[in-house]
């Protein structure tokens, strides 16, 4: 049986896909939203775009240098997509803010436009993430061993302040399988300072709810 390679893309993409799928549901009825619901949608759009922009920055800073060494043409193609998506994220922020401020006369039209723009960005992001998972992973796996990829992941995570990392944990764990959650939490317990591990475990208990009990045998596994 072949041991799976270290995957720098798919785990975080699972979280982002779940976040974006939820956002797509949130905006589905934006053309019928009340003023209060428009404010909620504005906040959710802003939160999702914050995660997307930060994720792109992490990839540009830590994964792109590896990809340049492995496959310069692919690295440029993926970086170009990041550059193309960024102004679309900016436009989503502006449109969502205008939607939240809109009066009854214009809210429906602005909500419909926001819905369409969000869905277009979600579609583009899903295609981009799939390219990274298929082509990006293949390039990295050809060029680097797992120790190098683990070091890349560690450097990326070290760049994230703990309070923000806990927010990432809160969107990652609900998107992962029990095995994936268990592996991550075992690694945290084995390597992180106690205060950091305690904070991560507290978030895990909170976001996983009843599923937390299912993790006990996985956390006990060697």
C-alpha atoms as a PDB file:
ATOM      1  CA  UNK A   1       0.000   0.000   0.000  1.00  0.00           C
ATOM      2  CA  UNK A   2       1.409   3.380  -1.038  1.00  0.00           C
ATOM      3  CA  UNK A   3       1.803   5.944   1.743  1.00  0.00           C
ATOM      4  CA  UNK A   4       0.003   9.195   0.832  1.00  0.00           C
ATOM      5  CA  UNK A   5       2.270  12.155   0.123  1.00  0.00           C
ATOM      6  CA  UNK A   6       2.156  15.362   2.142  1.00  0.00           C
ATOM      7  CA  UNK A   7      -0.604  17.467   0.584  1.00  0.00           C
ATOM      8  CA  UNK A   8      -0.219  21.218   1.066  1.00  0.00           C
ATOM      9  CA  UNK A   9      -3.400  22.093  -0.782  1.00  0.00           C
ATOM     10  CA  UNK A  10      -6.359  19.799  -0.191  1.00  0.00           C
ATOM     11  CA  UNK A  11      -6.838  20.057   3.607  1.00  0.00           C
ATOM     12  CA  UNK A  12      -7.157  23.837   3.635  1.00  0.00           C
ATOM     13  CA  UNK A  13      -9.174  23.790   0.415  1.00  0.00           C
ATOM     14  CA  UNK A  14     -11.728  21.531   2.085  1.00  0.00           C
ATOM     15  CA  UNK A  15     -12.290  24.264   4.651  1.00  0.00           C
ATOM     16  CA  UNK A  16     -12.517  26.987   2.023  1.00  0.00           C
ATOM     17  CA  UNK A  17     -14.915  24.981  -0.130  1.00  0.00           C
ATOM     18  CA  UNK A  18     -17.191  24.464   2.862  1.00  0.00           C
ATOM     19  CA  UNK A  19     -16.992  28.176   3.696  1.00  0.00           C
ATOM     20  CA  UNK A  20     -17.780  29.184   0.122  1.00  0.00           C
ATOM     21  CA  UNK A  21     -20.583  26.657  -0.258  1.00  0.00           C
ATOM     22  CA  UNK A  22     -22.214  28.079   2.864  1.00  0.00           C
ATOM     23  CA  UNK A  23     -21.749  31.597   1.498  1.00  0.00           C
ATOM     24  CA  UNK A  24     -23.402  30.587  -1.779  1.00  0.00           C
ATOM     25  CA  UNK A  25     -26.406  29.400   0.228  1.00  0.00           C
ATOM     26  CA  UNK A  26     -26.386  32.645   2.233  1.00  0.00           C
ATOM     27  CA  UNK A  27     -26.597  34.851  -0.865  1.00  0.00           C
ATOM     28  CA  UNK A  28     -29.118  32.701  -2.744  1.00  0.00           C
ATOM     29  CA  UNK A  29     -31.982  34.843  -1.475  1.00  0.00           C
ATOM     30  CA  UNK A  30     -30.132  38.154  -1.346  1.00  0.00           C
ATOM     31  CA  UNK A  31     -32.641  39.724  -3.725  1.00  0.00           C
ATOM     32  CA  UNK A  32     -35.339  39.149  -1.078  1.00  0.00           C
ATOM     33  CA  UNK A  33     -33.275  40.131   1.966  1.00  0.00           C
ATOM     34  CA  UNK A  34     -34.459  42.415   4.737  1.00  0.00           C
ATOM     35  CA  UNK A  35     -32.186  45.200   5.981  1.00  0.00           C
ATOM     36  CA  UNK A  36     -31.011  43.048   8.900  1.00  0.00           C
ATOM     37  CA  UNK A  37     -30.338  40.077   6.630  1.00  0.00           C
ATOM     38  CA  UNK A  38     -28.397  42.324   4.251  1.00  0.00           C
ATOM     39  CA  UNK A  39     -26.110  43.296   7.126  1.00  0.00           C
ATOM     40  CA  UNK A  40     -25.583  39.613   7.945  1.00  0.00           C
ATOM     41  CA  UNK A  41     -24.763  38.793   4.325  1.00  0.00           C
ATOM     42  CA  UNK A  42     -22.327  41.724   4.205  1.00  0.00           C
ATOM     43  CA  UNK A  43     -20.491  40.355   7.244  1.00  0.00           C
ATOM     44  CA  UNK A  44     -20.354  36.845   5.799  1.00  0.00           C
ATOM     45  CA  UNK A  45     -19.070  38.005   2.427  1.00  0.00           C
ATOM     46  CA  UNK A  46     -16.384  40.078   4.138  1.00  0.00           C
ATOM     47  CA  UNK A  47     -15.352  37.158   6.359  1.00  0.00           C
ATOM     48  CA  UNK A  48     -15.096  34.749   3.430  1.00  0.00           C
ATOM     49  CA  UNK A  49     -13.091  37.187   1.314  1.00  0.00           C
ATOM     50  CA  UNK A  50     -10.740  37.830   4.244  1.00  0.00           C
ATOM     51  CA  UNK A  51      -9.987  34.104   4.403  1.00  0.00           C
ATOM     52  CA  UNK A  52      -9.526  33.860   0.622  1.00  0.00           C
ATOM     53  CA  UNK A  53      -7.134  36.814   0.447  1.00  0.00           C
ATOM     54  CA  UNK A  54      -5.115  35.569   3.397  1.00  0.00           C
ATOM     55  CA  UNK A  55      -4.946  32.080   1.919  1.00  0.00           C
ATOM     56  CA  UNK A  56      -3.653  33.450  -1.398  1.00  0.00           C
ATOM     57  CA  UNK A  57      -1.013  35.440   0.491  1.00  0.00           C
ATOM     58  CA  UNK A  58       0.106  32.289   2.328  1.00  0.00           C
ATOM     59  CA  UNK A  59       0.421  30.411  -0.951  1.00  0.00           C
ATOM     60  CA  UNK A  60       2.275  33.273  -2.649  1.00  0.00           C
ATOM     61  CA  UNK A  61       4.734  33.578   0.224  1.00  0.00           C
ATOM     62  CA  UNK A  62       5.402  29.930   1.010  1.00  0.00           C
ATOM     63  CA  UNK A  63       4.252  27.638  -1.800  1.00  0.00           C
ATOM     64  CA  UNK A  64       5.026  29.746  -4.853  1.00  0.00           C
ATOM     65  CA  UNK A  65       8.827  29.655  -4.287  1.00  0.00           C
ATOM     66  CA  UNK A  66       8.648  25.863  -4.172  1.00  0.00           C
ATOM     67  CA  UNK A  67       6.533  25.782  -7.320  1.00  0.00           C
ATOM     68  CA  UNK A  68       8.891  28.145  -9.142  1.00  0.00           C
ATOM     69  CA  UNK A  69      11.684  25.678  -8.474  1.00  0.00           C
ATOM     70  CA  UNK A  70       9.512  22.719  -9.493  1.00  0.00           C
ATOM     71  CA  UNK A  71       7.563  24.102 -12.485  1.00  0.00           C
ATOM     72  CA  UNK A  72       8.010  27.811 -13.302  1.00  0.00           C
ATOM     73  CA  UNK A  73       5.232  27.896 -15.916  1.00  0.00           C
ATOM     74  CA  UNK A  74       2.677  26.379 -13.540  1.00  0.00           C
ATOM     75  CA  UNK A  75       3.824  28.694 -10.745  1.00  0.00           C
ATOM     76  CA  UNK A  76       3.187  31.710 -12.964  1.00  0.00           C
ATOM     77  CA  UNK A  77      -0.206  30.400 -14.078  1.00  0.00           C
ATOM     78  CA  UNK A  78      -1.364  29.913 -10.492  1.00  0.00           C
ATOM     79  CA  UNK A  79       0.046  33.276  -9.402  1.00  0.00           C
ATOM     80  CA  UNK A  80      -1.726  34.931 -12.340  1.00  0.00           C
ATOM     81  CA  UNK A  81      -5.012  33.479 -11.133  1.00  0.00           C
ATOM     82  CA  UNK A  82      -4.377  34.933  -7.680  1.00  0.00           C
ATOM     83  CA  UNK A  83      -3.744  38.321  -9.273  1.00  0.00           C
ATOM     84  CA  UNK A  84      -6.924  38.046 -11.341  1.00  0.00           C
ATOM     85  CA  UNK A  85      -9.079  37.004  -8.406  1.00  0.00           C
ATOM     86  CA  UNK A  86      -7.928  39.734  -6.023  1.00  0.00           C
ATOM     87  CA  UNK A  87      -9.762  42.655  -7.726  1.00  0.00           C
ATOM     88  CA  UNK A  88     -12.871  40.484  -7.878  1.00  0.00           C
ATOM     89  CA  UNK A  89     -12.609  40.049  -4.109  1.00  0.00           C
ATOM     90  CA  UNK A  90     -12.259  43.810  -3.707  1.00  0.00           C
ATOM     91  CA  UNK A  91     -15.371  44.283  -5.838  1.00  0.00           C
ATOM     92  CA  UNK A  92     -17.289  41.817  -3.656  1.00  0.00           C
ATOM     93  CA  UNK A  93     -16.421  43.838  -0.565  1.00  0.00           C
ATOM     94  CA  UNK A  94     -17.639  47.041  -2.206  1.00  0.00           C
ATOM     95  CA  UNK A  95     -20.835  45.486  -3.536  1.00  0.00           C
ATOM     96  CA  UNK A  96     -21.632  43.794  -0.213  1.00  0.00           C
ATOM     97  CA  UNK A  97     -21.148  47.078   1.664  1.00  0.00           C
ATOM     98  CA  UNK A  98     -23.438  48.903  -0.778  1.00  0.00           C
ATOM     99  CA  UNK A  99     -26.018  46.141  -0.398  1.00  0.00           C
ATOM    100  CA  UNK A 100     -25.941  46.476   3.383  1.00  0.00           C
ATOM    101  CA  UNK A 101     -26.531  50.247   3.120  1.00  0.00           C
ATOM    102  CA  UNK A 102     -29.283  49.992   0.515  1.00  0.00           C
ATOM    103  CA  UNK A 103     -32.821  51.144   1.144  1.00  0.00           C
ATOM    104  CA  UNK A 104     -35.910  49.189   0.218  1.00  0.00           C
ATOM    105  CA  UNK A 105     -36.011  50.656  -3.307  1.00  0.00           C
ATOM    106  CA  UNK A 106     -32.592  49.338  -4.380  1.00  0.00           C
ATOM    107  CA  UNK A 107     -31.878  46.398  -2.055  1.00  0.00           C
ATOM    108  CA  UNK A 108     -33.394  43.720  -4.303  1.00  0.00           C
ATOM    109  CA  UNK A 109     -31.414  44.737  -7.383  1.00  0.00           C
ATOM    110  CA  UNK A 110     -28.173  45.088  -5.443  1.00  0.00           C
ATOM    111  CA  UNK A 111     -28.810  41.740  -3.749  1.00  0.00           C
ATOM    112  CA  UNK A 112     -29.296  40.002  -7.087  1.00  0.00           C
ATOM    113  CA  UNK A 113     -26.072  41.511  -8.434  1.00  0.00           C
ATOM    114  CA  UNK A 114     -24.171  40.529  -5.287  1.00  0.00           C
ATOM    115  CA  UNK A 115     -25.513  36.975  -5.527  1.00  0.00           C
ATOM    116  CA  UNK A 116     -24.365  36.646  -9.116  1.00  0.00           C
ATOM    117  CA  UNK A 117     -20.909  38.031  -8.344  1.00  0.00           C
ATOM    118  CA  UNK A 118     -20.444  35.774  -5.316  1.00  0.00           C
ATOM    119  CA  UNK A 119     -21.444  32.683  -7.275  1.00  0.00           C
ATOM    120  CA  UNK A 120     -19.045  33.605 -10.090  1.00  0.00           C
ATOM    121  CA  UNK A 121     -16.166  33.991  -7.638  1.00  0.00           C
ATOM    122  CA  UNK A 122     -17.064  30.716  -5.922  1.00  0.00           C
ATOM    123  CA  UNK A 123     -16.986  28.949  -9.288  1.00  0.00           C
ATOM    124  CA  UNK A 124     -13.613  30.495 -10.170  1.00  0.00           C
ATOM    125  CA  UNK A 125     -12.165  29.602  -6.781  1.00  0.00           C
ATOM    126  CA  UNK A 126     -13.301  25.993  -7.027  1.00  0.00           C
ATOM    127  CA  UNK A 127     -11.648  25.621 -10.436  1.00  0.00           C
ATOM    128  CA  UNK A 128      -8.455  27.257  -9.178  1.00  0.00           C
ATOM    129  CA  UNK A 129      -8.274  25.087  -6.086  1.00  0.00           C
ATOM    130  CA  UNK A 130      -8.731  21.964  -8.168  1.00  0.00           C
ATOM    131  CA  UNK A 131      -5.867  22.978 -10.443  1.00  0.00           C
ATOM    132  CA  UNK A 132      -3.627  23.487  -7.424  1.00  0.00           C
ATOM    133  CA  UNK A 133      -4.592  20.123  -5.964  1.00  0.00           C
ATOM    134  CA  UNK A 134      -3.992  18.207  -9.194  1.00  0.00           C
ATOM    135  CA  UNK A 135      -1.210  20.078 -10.987  1.00  0.00           C
ATOM    136  CA  UNK A 136       0.373  21.876  -8.043  1.00  0.00           C
ATOM    137  CA  UNK A 137       0.655  18.765  -5.913  1.00  0.00           C
ATOM    138  CA  UNK A 138       2.031  16.742  -8.830  1.00  0.00           C
ATOM    139  CA  UNK A 139       4.761  19.332  -9.427  1.00  0.00           C
ATOM    140  CA  UNK A 140       5.679  19.552  -5.742  1.00  0.00           C
ATOM    141  CA  UNK A 141       5.734  15.784  -5.342  1.00  0.00           C
ATOM    142  CA  UNK A 142       8.078  15.384  -8.304  1.00  0.00           C
ATOM    143  CA  UNK A 143      10.505  17.976  -6.993  1.00  0.00           C
ATOM    144  CA  UNK A 144      10.464  17.626  -3.194  1.00  0.00           C
ATOM    145  CA  UNK A 145      10.375  14.931  -0.556  1.00  0.00           C
ATOM    146  CA  UNK A 146       7.874  15.005   2.282  1.00  0.00           C
ATOM    147  CA  UNK A 147      10.348  16.485   4.762  1.00  0.00           C
ATOM    148  CA  UNK A 148      10.698  19.567   2.559  1.00  0.00           C
ATOM    149  CA  UNK A 149       6.927  19.886   2.214  1.00  0.00           C
ATOM    150  CA  UNK A 150       6.432  19.495   5.967  1.00  0.00           C
ATOM    151  CA  UNK A 151       8.977  22.274   6.512  1.00  0.00           C
ATOM    152  CA  UNK A 152       7.075  24.478   4.063  1.00  0.00           C
ATOM    153  CA  UNK A 153       3.811  23.861   5.890  1.00  0.00           C
ATOM    154  CA  UNK A 154       5.446  24.589   9.258  1.00  0.00           C
ATOM    155  CA  UNK A 155       6.866  27.885   8.001  1.00  0.00           C
ATOM    156  CA  UNK A 156       3.449  28.903   6.663  1.00  0.00           C
ATOM    157  CA  UNK A 157       1.711  28.080   9.935  1.00  0.00           C
ATOM    158  CA  UNK A 158       4.382  29.905  11.944  1.00  0.00           C
ATOM    159  CA  UNK A 159       3.518  33.087  10.034  1.00  0.00           C
ATOM    160  CA  UNK A 160      -0.045  33.081  11.405  1.00  0.00           C
ATOM    161  CA  UNK A 161      -0.588  34.671  14.847  1.00  0.00           C
ATOM    162  CA  UNK A 162      -2.262  32.276  17.277  1.00  0.00           C
ATOM    163  CA  UNK A 163      -5.602  34.152  17.539  1.00  0.00           C
ATOM    164  CA  UNK A 164      -5.954  34.083  13.754  1.00  0.00           C
ATOM    165  CA  UNK A 165      -4.741  30.481  13.544  1.00  0.00           C
ATOM    166  CA  UNK A 166      -7.551  29.528  15.926  1.00  0.00           C
ATOM    167  CA  UNK A 167     -10.009  31.085  13.478  1.00  0.00           C
ATOM    168  CA  UNK A 168      -8.534  28.927  10.724  1.00  0.00           C
ATOM    169  CA  UNK A 169      -8.836  25.866  12.964  1.00  0.00           C
ATOM    170  CA  UNK A 170     -12.496  26.716  13.498  1.00  0.00           C
ATOM    171  CA  UNK A 171     -13.221  26.485   9.771  1.00  0.00           C
ATOM    172  CA  UNK A 172     -10.877  23.571   9.059  1.00  0.00           C
ATOM    173  CA  UNK A 173     -11.946  20.935  11.557  1.00  0.00           C
ATOM    174  CA  UNK A 174     -15.673  20.825  10.634  1.00  0.00           C
ATOM    175  CA  UNK A 175     -14.646  20.265   6.997  1.00  0.00           C
ATOM    176  CA  UNK A 176     -12.351  17.324   7.772  1.00  0.00           C
ATOM    177  CA  UNK A 177     -12.927  13.642   8.396  1.00  0.00           C
ATOM    178  CA  UNK A 178     -12.562  12.212  11.885  1.00  0.00           C
ATOM    179  CA  UNK A 179      -9.242  10.668  10.865  1.00  0.00           C
ATOM    180  CA  UNK A 180      -7.960  14.010   9.601  1.00  0.00           C
ATOM    181  CA  UNK A 181      -9.054  15.836  12.749  1.00  0.00           C
ATOM    182  CA  UNK A 182      -7.471  13.166  14.934  1.00  0.00           C
ATOM    183  CA  UNK A 183      -4.160  13.316  13.070  1.00  0.00           C
ATOM    184  CA  UNK A 184      -4.013  17.097  13.344  1.00  0.00           C
ATOM    185  CA  UNK A 185      -4.878  17.140  17.044  1.00  0.00           C
ATOM    186  CA  UNK A 186      -2.392  14.379  17.859  1.00  0.00           C
ATOM    187  CA  UNK A 187       0.305  16.402  16.111  1.00  0.00           C
ATOM    188  CA  UNK A 188      -0.682  19.488  18.089  1.00  0.00           C
ATOM    189  CA  UNK A 189      -0.612  17.596  21.376  1.00  0.00           C
ATOM    190  CA  UNK A 190       2.808  16.170  20.571  1.00  0.00           C
ATOM    191  CA  UNK A 191       4.541  19.314  19.338  1.00  0.00           C
ATOM    192  CA  UNK A 192       2.771  22.510  20.415  1.00  0.00           C
ATOM    193  CA  UNK A 193       3.416  24.317  23.714  1.00  0.00           C
ATOM    194  CA  UNK A 194       0.761  23.346  26.286  1.00  0.00           C
ATOM    195  CA  UNK A 195      -1.008  26.702  26.207  1.00  0.00           C
ATOM    196  CA  UNK A 196      -1.250  26.602  22.411  1.00  0.00           C
ATOM    197  CA  UNK A 197      -2.455  22.989  22.430  1.00  0.00           C
ATOM    198  CA  UNK A 198      -5.078  23.839  25.064  1.00  0.00           C
ATOM    199  CA  UNK A 199      -6.367  26.741  22.958  1.00  0.00           C
ATOM    200  CA  UNK A 200      -6.605  24.587  19.825  1.00  0.00           C
ATOM    201  CA  UNK A 201      -8.334  21.762  21.695  1.00  0.00           C
ATOM    202  CA  UNK A 202     -10.835  24.252  23.149  1.00  0.00           C
ATOM    203  CA  UNK A 203     -11.718  25.453  19.659  1.00  0.00           C
ATOM    204  CA  UNK A 204     -12.001  21.851  18.463  1.00  0.00           C
ATOM    205  CA  UNK A 205     -14.450  20.963  21.230  1.00  0.00           C
ATOM    206  CA  UNK A 206     -16.508  24.044  20.455  1.00  0.00           C
ATOM    207  CA  UNK A 207     -16.769  23.685  16.669  1.00  0.00           C
ATOM    208  CA  UNK A 208     -17.098  19.901  16.543  1.00  0.00           C
ATOM    209  CA  UNK A 209     -19.829  19.668  19.172  1.00  0.00           C
ATOM    210  CA  UNK A 210     -21.206  16.127  19.486  1.00  0.00           C
ATOM    211  CA  UNK A 211     -18.622  14.876  16.979  1.00  0.00           C
ATOM    212  CA  UNK A 212     -15.909  15.549  19.556  1.00  0.00           C
ATOM    213  CA  UNK A 213     -16.725  12.294  21.340  1.00  0.00           C
ATOM    214  CA  UNK A 214     -15.978  10.345  18.164  1.00  0.00           C
ATOM    215  CA  UNK A 215     -12.423  11.644  18.219  1.00  0.00           C
ATOM    216  CA  UNK A 216     -11.430   9.914  21.475  1.00  0.00           C
ATOM    217  CA  UNK A 217     -10.113   6.696  19.883  1.00  0.00           C
ATOM    218  CA  UNK A 218      -8.333   8.698  17.187  1.00  0.00           C
ATOM    219  CA  UNK A 219      -6.602  10.900  19.754  1.00  0.00           C
ATOM    220  CA  UNK A 220      -5.517   7.801  21.645  1.00  0.00           C
ATOM    221  CA  UNK A 221      -4.028   6.215  18.507  1.00  0.00           C
ATOM    222  CA  UNK A 222      -0.266   6.112  18.259  1.00  0.00           C
END
